[in-house]
C-alpha atoms as a PDB file:
ATOM      1  CA  MET A   1       0.222 -24.120  -9.109  1.00  0.00           C
ATOM      2  CA  ARG A   2       2.511 -22.013 -11.357  1.00  0.00           C
ATOM      3  CA  ILE A   3       1.087 -18.733 -10.280  1.00  0.00           C
ATOM      4  CA  ALA A   4       1.193 -19.599  -6.581  1.00  0.00           C
ATOM      5  CA  ALA A   5       4.696 -20.784  -6.781  1.00  0.00           C
ATOM      6  CA  ALA A   6       5.746 -17.486  -8.688  1.00  0.00           C
ATOM      7  CA  VAL A   7       3.878 -15.410  -6.077  1.00  0.00           C
ATOM      8  CA  PHE A   8       5.660 -17.264  -3.103  1.00  0.00           C
ATOM      9  CA  LEU A   9       9.057 -17.025  -4.646  1.00  0.00           C
ATOM     10  CA  GLY A  10       8.454 -13.265  -5.615  1.00  0.00           C
ATOM     11  CA  PHE A  11       7.565 -12.660  -2.025  1.00  0.00           C
ATOM     12  CA  LEU A  12      10.686 -14.492  -0.641  1.00  0.00           C
ATOM     13  CA  ILE A  13      12.949 -12.447  -2.989  1.00  0.00           C
ATOM     14  CA  ASP A  14      11.436  -9.238  -1.944  1.00  0.00           C
ATOM     15  CA  CYS A  15      11.961 -10.098   1.762  1.00  0.00           C
ATOM     16  CA  VAL A  16      15.616 -10.583   0.984  1.00  0.00           C
ATOM     17  CA  LEU A  17      16.324  -8.020  -1.616  1.00  0.00           C
ATOM     18  CA  GLY A  18      13.638  -5.604  -1.518  1.00  0.00           C
ATOM     19  CA  ASP A  19      13.691  -2.931  -4.293  1.00  0.00           C
ATOM     20  CA  PRO A  20      17.367  -2.372  -5.250  1.00  0.00           C
ATOM     21  CA  GLU A  21      18.179   1.348  -5.362  1.00  0.00           C
ATOM     22  CA  ASN A  22      19.271   3.010  -8.700  1.00  0.00           C
ATOM     23  CA  ILE A  23      17.534   0.487 -10.732  1.00  0.00           C
ATOM     24  CA  TRP A  24      14.509   1.191 -12.925  1.00  0.00           C
ATOM     25  CA  HIS A  25      11.277  -0.175 -11.492  1.00  0.00           C
ATOM     26  CA  PRO A  26       8.012  -0.743 -13.375  1.00  0.00           C
ATOM     27  CA  VAL A  27       6.074   1.509 -11.013  1.00  0.00           C
ATOM     28  CA  MET A  28       8.418   4.239 -12.187  1.00  0.00           C
ATOM     29  CA  GLY A  29       6.942   3.572 -15.660  1.00  0.00           C
ATOM     30  CA  ILE A  30       3.405   3.704 -14.406  1.00  0.00           C
ATOM     31  CA  GLY A  31       4.290   7.060 -12.724  1.00  0.00           C
ATOM     32  CA  SER A  32       5.781   8.373 -15.842  1.00  0.00           C
ATOM     33  CA  MET A  33       2.684   7.367 -17.811  1.00  0.00           C
ATOM     34  CA  ILE A  34       0.335   9.123 -15.289  1.00  0.00           C
ATOM     35  CA  SER A  35       2.473  12.276 -15.501  1.00  0.00           C
ATOM     36  CA  PHE A  36       2.284  12.268 -19.246  1.00  0.00           C
ATOM     37  CA  TRP A  37      -1.405  11.688 -19.548  1.00  0.00           C
ATOM     38  CA  LYS A  38      -2.175  14.119 -16.724  1.00  0.00           C
ATOM     39  CA  LYS A  39      -0.358  16.877 -18.430  1.00  0.00           C
ATOM     40  CA  HIS A  40      -2.068  16.381 -21.791  1.00  0.00           C
ATOM     41  CA  LEU A  41      -5.663  15.457 -20.625  1.00  0.00           C
ATOM     42  CA  ARG A  42      -5.959  18.518 -18.308  1.00  0.00           C
ATOM     43  CA  ASN A  43      -5.264  20.766 -21.243  1.00  0.00           C
ATOM     44  CA  TRP A  44      -7.445  18.901 -23.848  1.00  0.00           C
ATOM     45  CA  PHE A  45     -10.540  18.732 -21.678  1.00  0.00           C
ATOM     46  CA  PRO A  46     -12.665  21.784 -20.565  1.00  0.00           C
ATOM     47  CA  LYS A  47     -11.405  23.484 -17.240  1.00  0.00           C
ATOM     48  CA  SER A  48     -14.924  22.950 -15.835  1.00  0.00           C
ATOM     49  CA  ASP A  49     -15.510  20.529 -12.904  1.00  0.00           C
ATOM     50  CA  ARG A  50     -17.308  18.149 -15.210  1.00  0.00           C
ATOM     51  CA  GLY A  51     -14.619  18.378 -17.961  1.00  0.00           C
ATOM     52  CA  GLN A  52     -11.815  17.606 -15.333  1.00  0.00           C
ATOM     53  CA  PHE A  53     -13.844  14.816 -13.958  1.00  0.00           C
ATOM     54  CA  TYR A  54     -14.224  13.102 -17.342  1.00  0.00           C
ATOM     55  CA  ALA A  55     -10.542  13.699 -17.940  1.00  0.00           C
ATOM     56  CA  GLY A  56      -9.715  11.849 -14.847  1.00  0.00           C
ATOM     57  CA  ILE A  57     -11.842   8.936 -15.894  1.00  0.00           C
ATOM     58  CA  LEU A  58     -10.003   8.655 -19.214  1.00  0.00           C
ATOM     59  CA  LEU A  59      -6.689   8.993 -17.442  1.00  0.00           C
ATOM     60  CA  TRP A  60      -7.594   5.971 -15.320  1.00  0.00           C
ATOM     61  CA  PHE A  61      -8.305   3.776 -18.267  1.00  0.00           C
ATOM     62  CA  LEU A  62      -5.241   4.913 -20.246  1.00  0.00           C
ATOM     63  CA  VAL A  63      -3.004   3.935 -17.316  1.00  0.00           C
ATOM     64  CA  VAL A  64      -4.670   0.760 -15.915  1.00  0.00           C
ATOM     65  CA  ILE A  65      -5.204  -1.023 -19.234  1.00  0.00           C
ATOM     66  CA  PRO A  66      -1.629  -0.742 -20.499  1.00  0.00           C
ATOM     67  CA  ALA A  67      -0.433  -1.688 -17.011  1.00  0.00           C
ATOM     68  CA  TRP A  68      -2.353  -4.949 -17.498  1.00  0.00           C
ATOM     69  CA  LEU A  69      -1.680  -5.604 -21.297  1.00  0.00           C
ATOM     70  CA  ILE A  70       2.081  -4.926 -21.395  1.00  0.00           C
ATOM     71  CA  PRO A  71       2.938  -7.724 -18.719  1.00  0.00           C
ATOM     72  CA  CYS A  72       0.417 -10.041 -20.573  1.00  0.00           C
ATOM     73  CA  ALA A  73       2.255  -9.578 -23.844  1.00  0.00           C
ATOM     74  CA  LEU A  74       5.574 -10.023 -22.181  1.00  0.00           C
ATOM     75  CA  LEU A  75       4.590 -13.159 -20.499  1.00  0.00           C
ATOM     76  CA  TRP A  76       2.948 -14.489 -23.755  1.00  0.00           C
ATOM     77  CA  VAL A  77       6.263 -13.947 -25.572  1.00  0.00           C
ATOM     78  CA  ALA A  78       8.305 -15.709 -22.686  1.00  0.00           C
ATOM     79  CA  GLY A  79       5.760 -18.649 -22.662  1.00  0.00           C
ATOM     80  CA  MET A  80       6.366 -18.991 -26.493  1.00  0.00           C
ATOM     81  CA  LEU A  81      10.129 -19.357 -25.805  1.00  0.00           C
ATOM     82  CA  HIS A  82       9.761 -21.891 -22.924  1.00  0.00           C
ATOM     83  CA  PRO A  83       7.449 -22.420 -19.992  1.00  0.00           C
ATOM     84  CA  MET A  84      10.297 -22.042 -17.603  1.00  0.00           C
ATOM     85  CA  VAL A  85      11.113 -18.643 -19.106  1.00  0.00           C
ATOM     86  CA  ARG A  86       7.632 -17.498 -18.393  1.00  0.00           C
ATOM     87  CA  PHE A  87       7.764 -18.824 -14.837  1.00  0.00           C
ATOM     88  CA  VAL A  88      10.986 -16.946 -13.988  1.00  0.00           C
ATOM     89  CA  LEU A  89       9.711 -13.773 -15.548  1.00  0.00           C
ATOM     90  CA  GLU A  90       6.483 -13.861 -13.666  1.00  0.00           C
ATOM     91  CA  THR A  91       8.454 -14.526 -10.434  1.00  0.00           C
ATOM     92  CA  ILE A  92      10.470 -11.383 -11.094  1.00  0.00           C
ATOM     93  CA  PHE A  93       7.283  -9.510 -11.783  1.00  0.00           C
ATOM     94  CA  CYS A  94       5.808 -10.778  -8.571  1.00  0.00           C
ATOM     95  CA  TRP A  95       8.972  -9.553  -6.777  1.00  0.00           C
ATOM     96  CA  GLN A  96       8.724  -6.076  -8.202  1.00  0.00           C
ATOM     97  CA  ILE A  97       5.052  -5.876  -7.198  1.00  0.00           C
ATOM     98  CA  PHE A  98       5.597  -6.682  -3.538  1.00  0.00           C
ATOM     99  CA  ALA A  99       6.898  -3.832  -1.354  1.00  0.00           C
ATOM    100  CA  ALA A 100       7.321  -5.416   2.153  1.00  0.00           C
ATOM    101  CA  LYS A 101      11.109  -4.801   2.590  1.00  0.00           C
ATOM    102  CA  SER A 102      10.962  -1.346   0.988  1.00  0.00           C
ATOM    103  CA  LEU A 103       8.231  -0.395   3.430  1.00  0.00           C
ATOM    104  CA  LYS A 104      10.316  -1.700   6.396  1.00  0.00           C
ATOM    105  CA  VAL A 105      13.453   0.033   5.241  1.00  0.00           C
ATOM    106  CA  ALA A 106      11.749   3.282   4.712  1.00  0.00           C
ATOM    107  CA  ALA A 107      10.179   3.169   8.226  1.00  0.00           C
ATOM    108  CA  LEU A 108      13.508   2.051   9.769  1.00  0.00           C
ATOM    109  CA  ARG A 109      15.219   5.242   8.350  1.00  0.00           C
ATOM    110  CA  VAL A 110      12.722   7.384  10.430  1.00  0.00           C
ATOM    111  CA  TYR A 111      13.239   5.090  13.474  1.00  0.00           C
ATOM    112  CA  HIS A 112      17.157   5.379  13.326  1.00  0.00           C
ATOM    113  CA  ALA A 113      16.981   9.279  12.806  1.00  0.00           C
ATOM    114  CA  LEU A 114      14.613   9.457  15.898  1.00  0.00           C
ATOM    115  CA  LYS A 115      16.874   7.133  17.955  1.00  0.00           C
ATOM    116  CA  ALA A 116      19.897   9.456  17.050  1.00  0.00           C
ATOM    117  CA  GLY A 117      18.000  12.529  18.226  1.00  0.00           C
ATOM    118  CA  ASP A 118      18.068  14.044  14.654  1.00  0.00           C
ATOM    119  CA  LEU A 119      14.286  15.245  14.447  1.00  0.00           C
ATOM    120  CA  PRO A 120      14.930  17.322  11.174  1.00  0.00           C
ATOM    121  CA  LEU A 121      16.347  14.161   9.421  1.00  0.00           C
ATOM    122  CA  ALA A 122      13.393  12.069  10.790  1.00  0.00           C
ATOM    123  CA  ARG A 123      11.065  14.686   9.451  1.00  0.00           C
ATOM    124  CA  LYS A 124      12.749  14.524   6.031  1.00  0.00           C
ATOM    125  CA  TYR A 125      12.620  10.689   5.902  1.00  0.00           C
ATOM    126  CA  VAL A 126       9.017  10.596   7.014  1.00  0.00           C
ATOM    127  CA  SER A 127       8.124  13.124   4.352  1.00  0.00           C
ATOM    128  CA  TRP A 128       9.129  10.601   1.790  1.00  0.00           C
ATOM    129  CA  ILE A 129       6.417   8.155   2.788  1.00  0.00           C
ATOM    130  CA  VAL A 130       3.431  10.196   3.891  1.00  0.00           C
ATOM    131  CA  GLY A 131       1.301  12.789   2.050  1.00  0.00           C
ATOM    132  CA  ARG A 132       0.892  15.212   5.082  1.00  0.00           C
ATOM    133  CA  ASP A 133       2.923  18.257   5.845  1.00  0.00           C
ATOM    134  CA  THR A 134       5.959  17.172   8.130  1.00  0.00           C
ATOM    135  CA  ALA A 135       7.978  20.344   8.609  1.00  0.00           C
ATOM    136  CA  GLU A 136       6.505  21.223  11.951  1.00  0.00           C
ATOM    137  CA  LEU A 137       5.942  17.587  13.335  1.00  0.00           C
ATOM    138  CA  ASN A 138       7.345  16.782  16.741  1.00  0.00           C
ATOM    139  CA  GLU A 139       8.969  13.448  17.673  1.00  0.00           C
ATOM    140  CA  GLN A 140       5.634  11.723  18.652  1.00  0.00           C
ATOM    141  CA  GLN A 141       3.846  13.040  15.474  1.00  0.00           C
ATOM    142  CA  VAL A 142       6.780  11.814  13.280  1.00  0.00           C
ATOM    143  CA  THR A 143       6.534   8.481  14.916  1.00  0.00           C
ATOM    144  CA  LYS A 144       2.799   8.233  14.697  1.00  0.00           C
ATOM    145  CA  ALA A 145       3.115   9.021  10.914  1.00  0.00           C
ATOM    146  CA  ALA A 146       5.641   6.278  10.226  1.00  0.00           C
ATOM    147  CA  VAL A 147       3.518   3.803  12.200  1.00  0.00           C
ATOM    148  CA  GLU A 148       0.381   4.757  10.347  1.00  0.00           C
ATOM    149  CA  THR A 149       2.197   4.377   6.990  1.00  0.00           C
ATOM    150  CA  VAL A 150       3.491   0.945   7.642  1.00  0.00           C
ATOM    151  CA  ALA A 151       0.024  -0.116   8.928  1.00  0.00           C
ATOM    152  CA  GLU A 152      -1.795   1.276   5.927  1.00  0.00           C
ATOM    153  CA  ASN A 153       0.631   0.063   3.294  1.00  0.00           C
ATOM    154  CA  THR A 154       0.676  -3.420   4.653  1.00  0.00           C
ATOM    155  CA  SER A 155      -2.499  -3.604   2.717  1.00  0.00           C
ATOM    156  CA  ASP A 156      -1.501  -1.526  -0.307  1.00  0.00           C
ATOM    157  CA  GLY A 157       1.993  -2.898  -0.573  1.00  0.00           C
ATOM    158  CA  VAL A 158       1.608  -6.570   0.385  1.00  0.00           C
ATOM    159  CA  ILE A 159      -1.915  -8.084   1.026  1.00  0.00           C
ATOM    160  CA  ALA A 160      -3.721  -6.395  -1.823  1.00  0.00           C
ATOM    161  CA  PRO A 161      -1.077  -7.144  -4.414  1.00  0.00           C
ATOM    162  CA  LEU A 162      -1.113 -10.684  -3.102  1.00  0.00           C
ATOM    163  CA  CYS A 163      -4.806 -11.086  -3.567  1.00  0.00           C
ATOM    164  CA  PHE A 164      -4.723  -9.734  -7.124  1.00  0.00           C
ATOM    165  CA  LEU A 165      -1.561 -11.710  -8.107  1.00  0.00           C
ATOM    166  CA  LEU A 166      -3.253 -14.896  -7.021  1.00  0.00           C
ATOM    167  CA  VAL A 167      -6.442 -14.186  -9.081  1.00  0.00           C
ATOM    168  CA  GLY A 168      -4.923 -12.979 -12.222  1.00  0.00           C
ATOM    169  CA  GLY A 169      -1.091 -13.419 -12.033  1.00  0.00           C
ATOM    170  CA  ALA A 170       1.377 -10.588 -12.522  1.00  0.00           C
ATOM    171  CA  PRO A 171      -0.710  -8.609 -15.154  1.00  0.00           C
ATOM    172  CA  LEU A 172      -3.534  -8.161 -12.613  1.00  0.00           C
ATOM    173  CA  GLY A 173      -1.056  -7.384  -9.909  1.00  0.00           C
ATOM    174  CA  PHE A 174       0.428  -4.651 -12.169  1.00  0.00           C
ATOM    175  CA  ALA A 175      -3.062  -3.352 -12.919  1.00  0.00           C
ATOM    176  CA  TYR A 176      -3.568  -2.952  -9.030  1.00  0.00           C
ATOM    177  CA  LYS A 177      -0.246  -1.104  -8.819  1.00  0.00           C
ATOM    178  CA  ALA A 178      -1.443   1.298 -11.411  1.00  0.00           C
ATOM    179  CA  VAL A 179      -4.728   1.813  -9.550  1.00  0.00           C
ATOM    180  CA  ASN A 180      -2.826   2.479  -6.325  1.00  0.00           C
ATOM    181  CA  THR A 181      -0.276   4.670  -7.949  1.00  0.00           C
ATOM    182  CA  LEU A 182      -3.037   6.851  -9.596  1.00  0.00           C
ATOM    183  CA  ASP A 183      -4.676   7.357  -6.257  1.00  0.00           C
ATOM    184  CA  SER A 184      -1.293   8.372  -4.637  1.00  0.00           C
ATOM    185  CA  MET A 185      -0.471  10.810  -7.497  1.00  0.00           C
ATOM    186  CA  VAL A 186      -3.925  12.518  -8.240  1.00  0.00           C
ATOM    187  CA  GLY A 187      -6.405  11.210  -5.559  1.00  0.00           C
ATOM    188  CA  TYR A 188      -6.235  14.195  -3.437  1.00  0.00           C
ATOM    189  CA  LYS A 189      -9.083  16.498  -2.298  1.00  0.00           C
ATOM    190  CA  ASN A 190      -7.344  19.781  -3.002  1.00  0.00           C
ATOM    191  CA  ASP A 191      -8.182  22.391  -5.534  1.00  0.00           C
ATOM    192  CA  GLU A 192      -5.915  20.901  -8.170  1.00  0.00           C
ATOM    193  CA  PHE A 193      -7.178  17.219  -8.066  1.00  0.00           C
ATOM    194  CA  LEU A 194     -10.626  17.479  -6.408  1.00  0.00           C
ATOM    195  CA  TYR A 195     -12.445  16.626  -9.668  1.00  0.00           C
ATOM    196  CA  PHE A 196      -9.520  15.348 -11.901  1.00  0.00           C
ATOM    197  CA  GLY A 197      -8.514  12.676  -9.306  1.00  0.00           C
ATOM    198  CA  ARG A 198     -11.876  11.832  -8.017  1.00  0.00           C
ATOM    199  CA  PHE A 199     -12.444   8.727 -10.214  1.00  0.00           C
ATOM    200  CA  SER A 200      -8.947   7.421  -9.350  1.00  0.00           C
ATOM    201  CA  ALA A 201      -9.595   7.822  -5.618  1.00  0.00           C
ATOM    202  CA  LYS A 202     -12.892   6.014  -5.798  1.00  0.00           C
ATOM    203  CA  MET A 203     -11.634   3.165  -7.839  1.00  0.00           C
ATOM    204  CA  ASP A 204      -8.787   2.736  -5.297  1.00  0.00           C
ATOM    205  CA  ASP A 205     -11.378   2.421  -2.639  1.00  0.00           C
ATOM    206  CA  VAL A 206     -13.312  -0.254  -4.642  1.00  0.00           C
ATOM    207  CA  TRP A 207     -10.155  -2.328  -5.448  1.00  0.00           C
ATOM    208  CA  ASN A 208      -8.878  -2.119  -1.803  1.00  0.00           C
ATOM    209  CA  PHE A 209     -12.284  -2.819  -0.125  1.00  0.00           C
ATOM    210  CA  ILE A 210     -11.802  -6.527   0.464  1.00  0.00           C
ATOM    211  CA  PRO A 211      -7.850  -6.618   0.923  1.00  0.00           C
ATOM    212  CA  ALA A 212      -8.038  -3.752   3.482  1.00  0.00           C
ATOM    213  CA  ARG A 213     -10.526  -5.663   5.603  1.00  0.00           C
ATOM    214  CA  LEU A 214      -8.521  -8.856   5.229  1.00  0.00           C
ATOM    215  CA  SER A 215      -5.381  -6.999   6.358  1.00  0.00           C
ATOM    216  CA  GLY A 216      -7.102  -5.602   9.427  1.00  0.00           C
ATOM    217  CA  LEU A 217      -8.186  -9.138  10.436  1.00  0.00           C
ATOM    218  CA  LEU A 218      -4.650 -10.401   9.839  1.00  0.00           C
ATOM    219  CA  PHE A 219      -3.389  -7.766  12.203  1.00  0.00           C
ATOM    220  CA  VAL A 220      -5.749  -8.941  14.823  1.00  0.00           C
ATOM    221  CA  LEU A 221      -4.749 -12.610  14.380  1.00  0.00           C
ATOM    222  CA  CYS A 222      -1.008 -11.881  14.138  1.00  0.00           C
ATOM    223  CA  ALA A 223      -0.844  -9.346  17.091  1.00  0.00           C
ATOM    224  CA  LYS A 224      -0.171 -12.132  19.722  1.00  0.00           C
ATOM    225  CA  PRO A 225       2.764 -13.895  17.852  1.00  0.00           C
ATOM    226  CA  ALA A 226       4.143 -10.506  17.078  1.00  0.00           C
ATOM    227  CA  GLY A 227       4.342  -9.841  20.665  1.00  0.00           C
ATOM    228  CA  LEU A 228       1.418  -7.284  20.872  1.00  0.00           C
ATOM    229  CA  HIS A 229      -2.061  -7.139  22.299  1.00  0.00           C
ATOM    230  CA  MET A 230      -4.623  -9.291  20.334  1.00  0.00           C
ATOM    231  CA  ARG A 231      -7.635  -8.351  22.397  1.00  0.00           C
ATOM    232  CA  GLY A 232      -6.906  -4.627  22.111  1.00  0.00           C
ATOM    233  CA  ALA A 233      -6.363  -5.032  18.352  1.00  0.00           C
ATOM    234  CA  TRP A 234      -9.761  -6.733  18.038  1.00  0.00           C
ATOM    235  CA  ASN A 235     -11.604  -4.165  20.194  1.00  0.00           C
ATOM    236  CA  CYS A 236     -10.212  -1.175  18.265  1.00  0.00           C
ATOM    237  CA  PHE A 237     -10.771  -2.847  14.926  1.00  0.00           C
ATOM    238  CA  GLN A 238     -14.390  -3.486  15.660  1.00  0.00           C
ATOM    239  CA  ARG A 239     -14.878   0.093  17.086  1.00  0.00           C
ATOM    240  CA  ASP A 240     -12.707   2.278  15.003  1.00  0.00           C
ATOM    241  CA  ARG A 241     -12.241   0.645  11.540  1.00  0.00           C
ATOM    242  CA  LEU A 242     -14.746   2.917   9.922  1.00  0.00           C
ATOM    243  CA  GLN A 243     -13.582   6.133  11.648  1.00  0.00           C
ATOM    244  CA  HIS A 244     -11.872   7.623   8.605  1.00  0.00           C
ATOM    245  CA  ALA A 245     -12.943   9.568   5.393  1.00  0.00           C
ATOM    246  CA  SER A 246     -11.606   6.653   3.401  1.00  0.00           C
ATOM    247  CA  PRO A 247     -13.484   3.387   3.790  1.00  0.00           C
ATOM    248  CA  ASN A 248     -10.243   1.343   3.930  1.00  0.00           C
ATOM    249  CA  SER A 249      -7.534   3.324   5.684  1.00  0.00           C
ATOM    250  CA  ALA A 250      -8.595   2.808   9.182  1.00  0.00           C
ATOM    251  CA  GLN A 251      -9.016  -0.991   8.813  1.00  0.00           C
ATOM    252  CA  THR A 252      -5.442  -1.708   9.544  1.00  0.00           C
ATOM    253  CA  GLU A 253      -4.582   1.480  11.393  1.00  0.00           C
ATOM    254  CA  SER A 254      -7.350   0.846  14.023  1.00  0.00           C
ATOM    255  CA  ALA A 255      -6.112  -2.844  14.582  1.00  0.00           C
ATOM    256  CA  CYS A 256      -2.494  -1.612  14.774  1.00  0.00           C
ATOM    257  CA  ALA A 257      -3.350   1.078  17.229  1.00  0.00           C
ATOM    258  CA  GLY A 258      -5.081  -1.560  19.479  1.00  0.00           C
ATOM    259  CA  ALA A 259      -2.263  -3.902  19.154  1.00  0.00           C
ATOM    260  CA  LEU A 260       0.283  -1.312  20.157  1.00  0.00           C
ATOM    261  CA  GLY A 261      -1.946   0.256  22.906  1.00  0.00           C
ATOM    262  CA  VAL A 262      -1.496   3.802  21.549  1.00  0.00           C
ATOM    263  CA  GLN A 263      -3.531   6.255  19.659  1.00  0.00           C
ATOM    264  CA  LEU A 264      -3.217   6.999  16.073  1.00  0.00           C
ATOM    265  CA  ALA A 265      -4.546   9.294  13.415  1.00  0.00           C
ATOM    266  CA  GLY A 266      -6.184  12.644  14.519  1.00  0.00           C
ATOM    267  CA  ASN A 267      -5.835  15.998  12.864  1.00  0.00           C
ATOM    268  CA  ALA A 268      -3.087  16.688  10.308  1.00  0.00           C
ATOM    269  CA  TYR A 269      -2.080  19.295   7.767  1.00  0.00           C
ATOM    270  CA  TYR A 270      -2.014  18.610   3.999  1.00  0.00           C
ATOM    271  CA  PHE A 271      -0.756  21.204   1.619  1.00  0.00           C
ATOM    272  CA  GLY A 272      -0.920  23.907   4.374  1.00  0.00           C
ATOM    273  CA  LYS A 273      -4.567  23.164   5.220  1.00  0.00           C
ATOM    274  CA  ARG A 274      -5.675  21.502   8.472  1.00  0.00           C
ATOM    275  CA  TYR A 275      -7.947  18.494   8.184  1.00  0.00           C
ATOM    276  CA  GLU A 276     -10.062  17.308  11.072  1.00  0.00           C
ATOM    277  CA  LYS A 277      -9.698  13.419  11.551  1.00  0.00           C
ATOM    278  CA  PRO A 278     -10.939  11.267  14.276  1.00  0.00           C
ATOM    279  CA  THR A 279      -8.397   9.360  16.366  1.00  0.00           C
ATOM    280  CA  LEU A 280      -7.976   5.609  16.247  1.00  0.00           C
ATOM    281  CA  GLY A 281      -7.282   3.408  19.335  1.00  0.00           C
ATOM    282  CA  ASP A 282      -6.951   4.285  22.997  1.00  0.00           C
ATOM    283  CA  ASP A 283      -4.347   6.737  24.516  1.00  0.00           C
ATOM    284  CA  ILE A 284      -3.048   3.952  26.985  1.00  0.00           C
ATOM    285  CA  ARG A 285       0.563   5.125  26.544  1.00  0.00           C
ATOM    286  CA  PRO A 286       2.556   7.668  24.564  1.00  0.00           C
ATOM    287  CA  ILE A 287       3.687   6.515  21.236  1.00  0.00           C
ATOM    288  CA  GLU A 288       7.460   5.859  21.000  1.00  0.00           C
ATOM    289  CA  PRO A 289      10.012   5.174  18.293  1.00  0.00           C
ATOM    290  CA  GLU A 290      10.114   1.469  19.181  1.00  0.00           C
ATOM    291  CA  ASP A 291       6.518   1.278  18.014  1.00  0.00           C
ATOM    292  CA  ILE A 292       7.854   1.652  14.472  1.00  0.00           C
ATOM    293  CA  VAL A 293       9.872  -1.653  14.919  1.00  0.00           C
ATOM    294  CA  ARG A 294       6.783  -3.318  16.511  1.00  0.00           C
ATOM    295  CA  THR A 295       4.655  -2.309  13.568  1.00  0.00           C
ATOM    296  CA  ASN A 296       7.208  -3.700  11.018  1.00  0.00           C
ATOM    297  CA  ARG A 297       7.198  -6.915  12.984  1.00  0.00           C
ATOM    298  CA  LEU A 298       3.289  -6.993  12.899  1.00  0.00           C
ATOM    299  CA  MET A 299       3.539  -6.213   9.111  1.00  0.00           C
ATOM    300  CA  TYR A 300       5.746  -9.204   8.505  1.00  0.00           C
ATOM    301  CA  TRP A 301       3.783 -11.663  10.586  1.00  0.00           C
ATOM    302  CA  SER A 302       0.648 -10.617   8.690  1.00  0.00           C
ATOM    303  CA  SER A 303       2.392 -10.779   5.329  1.00  0.00           C
ATOM    304  CA  VAL A 304       3.902 -14.299   5.791  1.00  0.00           C
ATOM    305  CA  VAL A 305       0.602 -15.742   7.128  1.00  0.00           C
ATOM    306  CA  ALA A 306      -1.321 -14.260   4.268  1.00  0.00           C
ATOM    307  CA  VAL A 307       1.218 -15.427   1.678  1.00  0.00           C
ATOM    308  CA  ILE A 308       1.252 -18.999   2.902  1.00  0.00           C
ATOM    309  CA  GLY A 309      -2.371 -19.184   3.544  1.00  0.00           C
ATOM    310  CA  LEU A 310      -3.497 -17.672   0.285  1.00  0.00           C
ATOM    311  CA  CYS A 311      -0.988 -19.613  -1.793  1.00  0.00           C
ATOM    312  CA  VAL A 312      -2.204 -22.884  -0.287  1.00  0.00           C
ATOM    313  CA  LEU A 313      -5.898 -21.881  -0.842  1.00  0.00           C
ATOM    314  CA  ARG A 314      -5.167 -21.015  -4.487  1.00  0.00           C
ATOM    315  CA  CYS A 315      -3.499 -24.413  -5.029  1.00  0.00           C
ATOM    316  CA  LEU A 316      -6.427 -26.211  -3.333  1.00  0.00           C
ATOM    317  CA  ILE A 317      -8.941 -24.371  -5.426  1.00  0.00           C
ATOM    318  CA  THR A 318      -6.877 -25.025  -8.619  1.00  0.00           C
ATOM    319  CA  GLN A 319      -6.720 -28.743  -7.703  1.00  0.00           C
ATOM    320  CA  TRP A 320     -10.452 -28.988  -7.018  1.00  0.00           C
ATOM    321  CA  ILE A 321     -11.364 -27.339 -10.446  1.00  0.00           C
ATOM    322  CA  TRP A 322      -9.034 -29.610 -12.397  1.00  0.00           C
END
């Protein structure tokens, strides 16, 4: 009951406050830890493909284990002081782990720039939230990038953290954030990280396997209350959810494309190199800036349903066990 309550309150705080700017965030600490070990491990291990691969494995454990142990220790100390102190601290941790409002705000920056006709500014804002090259994107491509980011990160930023929080509390939630941050920082298939980041990328696929599919199904279920097309979401989810190099990314993107009635994904440039990627969904109509707002609405509907449903399930299971 305590964990479910902390998770629920943490989500509500995130919906209201998001991540306040100019305040240190634990994920920044995880990022600093990754940068520190990346610099040293790449020098300590041989420059061969195998050496860099083993360095990447060690990097993963040197980041994920402390990300789990540190909040464990802090919560233990808080519990020694008073159970309510522990509950408040865990609620704050849950708030810091969720990213629903920050995802919405980041996407709306792109939306408002597009609505103002400022394409260069929209490209700048979208470059903050995507890994692809953005300097040459047109208005539709910028919009598509923002929509895809909201769709994919509904899983990474809300549903997956929710699942791990309800299983293992804030410590496991922070371990998941470490796994996800490792993938975002070193999990690239370029010359620099092809071997060094391979283990981090694979582990991110494993940890997100169930949450990504749950997120896709939530998109389908919540399409109608979000004012979108449920049948289209289901059809595209069934057909296109595996049409991606990653086993997880297309789960939400395909359902989102069908719900909106647009086509997402397709070829893109990363670090100056063109990557051939299949499209998701059907080109029923051109994508437009308003689709960013619609995707945010779908993200929130799915998140609220998941938080309420899974928190209740956690309480029922706990009650049954006791």
